[in-house]
Amino acid sequence: MSYATLEVQLRNGRLISRSGEPLPTTAHALLVVLDSEVGPRKKDSGDISQALAVIRARQSARGHSPRSVDAVSQQLRIERESW
């Protein structure tokens, strides 16, 4: 089974590809209708940077430290063995 994400516009009950790619002749699909008045959301790196700073400050206050994937995997193995 394969999936594709296509940006389309709905006009008079018909789907029209926004990228110019041809749509499949037949397919099963899920349709999510977005409010057309809202438009695409603007990226605001200030909000993201601020949120990350808050997260890092909270982690630091709780004594959390970044760990590598290997360290987390090893910790999970140890915990599973103790069950």
N, C-alpha and C. Protein backbone atom coordinates (compact mmCIF):
# COMPACT_ATOMS: atom_id res chain seq x y z
N MET A 1 0.86 -1.16 0.00
CA MET A 1 0.00 0.00 0.00
C MET A 1 0.90 1.23 0.00
N SER A 2 0.59 2.19 -0.82
CA SER A 2 1.38 3.41 -0.85
C SER A 2 0.47 4.61 -0.61
N TYR A 3 1.09 5.68 -0.14
CA TYR A 3 0.36 6.90 0.16
C TYR A 3 1.01 8.06 -0.58
N ALA A 4 0.21 9.02 -0.96
CA ALA A 4 0.72 10.24 -1.57
C ALA A 4 -0.05 11.41 -0.97
N THR A 5 0.64 12.49 -0.73
CA THR A 5 0.01 13.70 -0.23
C THR A 5 0.00 14.70 -1.36
N LEU A 6 -1.16 15.13 -1.74
CA LEU A 6 -1.31 16.07 -2.84
C LEU A 6 -2.08 17.29 -2.37
N GLU A 7 -1.60 18.47 -2.74
CA GLU A 7 -2.34 19.68 -2.41
C GLU A 7 -3.31 19.94 -3.55
N VAL A 8 -4.57 20.04 -3.20
CA VAL A 8 -5.62 20.24 -4.20
C VAL A 8 -6.51 21.40 -3.81
N GLN A 9 -7.26 21.85 -4.76
CA GLN A 9 -8.25 22.89 -4.52
C GLN A 9 -9.60 22.30 -4.88
N LEU A 10 -10.60 22.64 -4.11
CA LEU A 10 -11.95 22.14 -4.35
C LEU A 10 -12.75 23.25 -5.02
N ARG A 11 -13.17 23.00 -6.25
CA ARG A 11 -13.97 23.98 -7.00
C ARG A 11 -15.20 23.29 -7.57
N ASN A 12 -16.35 23.80 -7.21
CA ASN A 12 -17.61 23.26 -7.72
C ASN A 12 -17.70 21.75 -7.54
N GLY A 13 -17.22 21.27 -6.39
CA GLY A 13 -17.30 19.84 -6.10
C GLY A 13 -16.25 19.00 -6.80
N ARG A 14 -15.30 19.60 -7.46
CA ARG A 14 -14.25 18.86 -8.16
C ARG A 14 -12.89 19.19 -7.58
N LEU A 15 -12.02 18.20 -7.53
CA LEU A 15 -10.67 18.41 -7.02
C LEU A 15 -9.75 18.80 -8.17
N ILE A 16 -8.97 19.84 -7.95
CA ILE A 16 -8.03 20.33 -8.95
C ILE A 16 -6.65 20.39 -8.30
N SER A 17 -5.67 19.78 -8.93
CA SER A 17 -4.32 19.75 -8.38
C SER A 17 -3.74 21.15 -8.37
N ARG A 18 -3.15 21.55 -7.23
CA ARG A 18 -2.53 22.87 -7.14
C ARG A 18 -1.11 22.85 -7.66
N SER A 19 -0.48 21.69 -7.71
CA SER A 19 0.91 21.60 -8.16
C SER A 19 1.02 21.35 -9.66
N GLY A 20 -0.07 21.08 -10.30
CA GLY A 20 -0.03 20.79 -11.72
C GLY A 20 0.14 19.31 -12.01
N GLU A 21 0.40 18.51 -10.97
CA GLU A 21 0.51 17.06 -11.17
C GLU A 21 -0.85 16.50 -11.52
N PRO A 22 -0.89 15.54 -12.43
CA PRO A 22 -2.19 14.94 -12.72
C PRO A 22 -2.65 14.09 -11.54
N LEU A 23 -3.92 14.17 -11.24
CA LEU A 23 -4.50 13.35 -10.18
C LEU A 23 -4.79 11.96 -10.71
N PRO A 24 -4.78 10.95 -9.85
CA PRO A 24 -5.10 9.60 -10.31
C PRO A 24 -6.51 9.54 -10.88
N THR A 25 -6.70 8.68 -11.85
CA THR A 25 -8.02 8.53 -12.46
C THR A 25 -9.01 7.98 -11.45
N THR A 26 -8.59 6.96 -10.72
CA THR A 26 -9.41 6.40 -9.64
C THR A 26 -8.50 6.17 -8.44
N ALA A 27 -9.05 6.33 -7.25
CA ALA A 27 -8.27 6.11 -6.04
C ALA A 27 -9.19 6.14 -4.83
N HIS A 28 -8.72 5.58 -3.73
CA HIS A 28 -9.36 5.74 -2.43
C HIS A 28 -8.60 6.86 -1.74
N ALA A 29 -9.30 7.76 -1.10
CA ALA A 29 -8.63 8.91 -0.50
C ALA A 29 -9.34 9.36 0.77
N LEU A 30 -8.59 10.07 1.58
CA LEU A 30 -9.14 10.76 2.74
C LEU A 30 -9.08 12.24 2.42
N LEU A 31 -10.13 12.94 2.70
CA LEU A 31 -10.19 14.36 2.37
C LEU A 31 -10.24 15.18 3.65
N VAL A 32 -9.32 16.11 3.78
CA VAL A 32 -9.32 17.05 4.89
C VAL A 32 -9.56 18.42 4.29
N VAL A 33 -10.63 19.07 4.67
CA VAL A 33 -10.97 20.37 4.12
C VAL A 33 -10.44 21.44 5.07
N LEU A 34 -9.55 22.29 4.55
CA LEU A 34 -8.97 23.38 5.32
C LEU A 34 -9.74 24.65 5.05
N ASP A 35 -9.87 25.49 6.05
CA ASP A 35 -10.56 26.76 5.89
C ASP A 35 -9.79 27.62 4.90
N SER A 36 -10.39 27.96 3.79
CA SER A 36 -9.68 28.70 2.74
C SER A 36 -9.40 30.15 3.13
N GLU A 37 -10.13 30.69 4.10
CA GLU A 37 -9.90 32.08 4.50
C GLU A 37 -8.67 32.22 5.39
N VAL A 38 -8.28 31.16 6.06
CA VAL A 38 -7.14 31.22 6.96
C VAL A 38 -5.84 31.27 6.17
N GLY A 39 -5.72 30.47 5.13
CA GLY A 39 -4.51 30.44 4.32
C GLY A 39 -3.40 29.71 5.03
N PRO A 40 -2.24 29.61 4.37
CA PRO A 40 -1.12 28.91 4.99
C PRO A 40 -0.61 29.65 6.21
N ARG A 41 -0.17 28.89 7.18
CA ARG A 41 0.33 29.49 8.42
C ARG A 41 1.74 29.99 8.22
N LYS A 42 2.00 31.18 8.69
CA LYS A 42 3.33 31.76 8.56
C LYS A 42 4.25 31.15 9.61
N LYS A 43 5.48 30.89 9.21
CA LYS A 43 6.46 30.37 10.15
C LYS A 43 7.01 31.53 10.96
N ASP A 44 7.01 31.37 12.24
CA ASP A 44 7.54 32.40 13.12
C ASP A 44 8.61 31.77 13.98
N SER A 45 9.84 31.90 13.53
CA SER A 45 10.94 31.24 14.22
C SER A 45 11.12 31.78 15.63
N GLY A 46 10.68 33.00 15.89
CA GLY A 46 10.77 33.55 17.23
C GLY A 46 9.97 32.73 18.22
N ASP A 47 8.75 32.34 17.85
CA ASP A 47 7.92 31.54 18.73
C ASP A 47 8.55 30.18 18.99
N ILE A 48 9.10 29.57 17.95
CA ILE A 48 9.71 28.25 18.09
C ILE A 48 10.95 28.34 18.97
N SER A 49 11.78 29.35 18.71
CA SER A 49 13.00 29.51 19.51
C SER A 49 12.66 29.75 20.98
N GLN A 50 11.65 30.55 21.21
CA GLN A 50 11.23 30.84 22.58
C GLN A 50 10.70 29.57 23.26
N ALA A 51 9.91 28.80 22.54
CA ALA A 51 9.37 27.56 23.10
C ALA A 51 10.48 26.58 23.43
N LEU A 52 11.47 26.45 22.53
CA LEU A 52 12.59 25.56 22.79
C LEU A 52 13.40 26.02 24.00
N ALA A 53 13.57 27.32 24.14
CA ALA A 53 14.31 27.86 25.29
C ALA A 53 13.59 27.52 26.59
N VAL A 54 12.27 27.61 26.60
CA VAL A 54 11.49 27.27 27.80
C VAL A 54 11.63 25.79 28.12
N ILE A 55 11.54 24.94 27.08
CA ILE A 55 11.67 23.50 27.29
C ILE A 55 13.05 23.16 27.87
N ARG A 56 14.09 23.75 27.27
CA ARG A 56 15.45 23.48 27.75
C ARG A 56 15.64 23.96 29.19
N ALA A 57 15.07 25.10 29.52
CA ALA A 57 15.18 25.62 30.89
C ALA A 57 14.50 24.69 31.88
N ARG A 58 13.32 24.18 31.52
CA ARG A 58 12.60 23.25 32.40
C ARG A 58 13.36 21.94 32.56
N GLN A 59 13.92 21.45 31.45
CA GLN A 59 14.69 20.21 31.54
C GLN A 59 15.91 20.40 32.43
N SER A 60 16.56 21.53 32.27
CA SER A 60 17.75 21.81 33.07
C SER A 60 17.40 21.91 34.55
N ALA A 61 16.28 22.57 34.85
CA ALA A 61 15.85 22.72 36.25
C ALA A 61 15.53 21.37 36.88
N ARG A 62 15.07 20.43 36.07
CA ARG A 62 14.72 19.10 36.59
C ARG A 62 15.91 18.14 36.56
N GLY A 63 17.04 18.61 36.07
CA GLY A 63 18.23 17.76 36.01
C GLY A 63 18.27 16.85 34.80
N HIS A 64 17.44 17.11 33.80
CA HIS A 64 17.46 16.31 32.58
C HIS A 64 18.65 16.74 31.73
N SER A 65 19.23 15.79 31.05
CA SER A 65 20.31 16.13 30.12
C SER A 65 20.07 15.37 28.83
N PRO A 66 20.46 15.95 27.69
CA PRO A 66 20.28 15.26 26.42
C PRO A 66 21.07 13.95 26.41
N ARG A 67 20.48 12.91 25.85
CA ARG A 67 21.16 11.62 25.74
C ARG A 67 21.12 11.16 24.29
N SER A 68 22.09 10.36 23.93
CA SER A 68 22.13 9.83 22.57
C SER A 68 21.09 8.73 22.42
N VAL A 69 20.80 8.38 21.19
CA VAL A 69 19.86 7.29 20.91
C VAL A 69 20.38 6.00 21.52
N ASP A 70 21.69 5.78 21.44
CA ASP A 70 22.27 4.55 22.00
C ASP A 70 22.07 4.50 23.51
N ALA A 71 22.24 5.62 24.18
CA ALA A 71 22.07 5.65 25.63
C ALA A 71 20.63 5.36 26.02
N VAL A 72 19.69 5.91 25.28
CA VAL A 72 18.27 5.67 25.57
C VAL A 72 17.93 4.21 25.30
N SER A 73 18.43 3.66 24.19
CA SER A 73 18.17 2.26 23.86
C SER A 73 18.73 1.33 24.93
N GLN A 74 19.92 1.62 25.39
CA GLN A 74 20.52 0.81 26.43
C GLN A 74 19.70 0.87 27.71
N GLN A 75 19.23 2.07 28.09
CA GLN A 75 18.41 2.22 29.29
C GLN A 75 17.11 1.43 29.16
N LEU A 76 16.50 1.46 27.98
CA LEU A 76 15.27 0.69 27.76
C LEU A 76 15.53 -0.81 27.89
N ARG A 77 16.65 -1.28 27.33
CA ARG A 77 16.99 -2.70 27.44
C ARG A 77 17.13 -3.11 28.91
N ILE A 78 17.82 -2.28 29.68
CA ILE A 78 18.02 -2.58 31.10
C ILE A 78 16.68 -2.63 31.83
N GLU A 79 15.82 -1.68 31.55
CA GLU A 79 14.51 -1.65 32.22
C GLU A 79 13.66 -2.85 31.83
N ARG A 80 13.68 -3.23 30.54
CA ARG A 80 12.89 -4.38 30.09
C ARG A 80 13.38 -5.67 30.74
N GLU A 81 14.69 -5.80 30.88
CA GLU A 81 15.24 -7.01 31.50
C GLU A 81 14.83 -7.12 32.96
N SER A 82 14.59 -5.99 33.61
CA SER A 82 14.22 -6.02 35.03
C SER A 82 12.76 -6.39 35.24
N TRP A 83 11.97 -6.40 34.18
CA TRP A 83 10.55 -6.74 34.33
C TRP A 83 10.44 -8.19 34.61
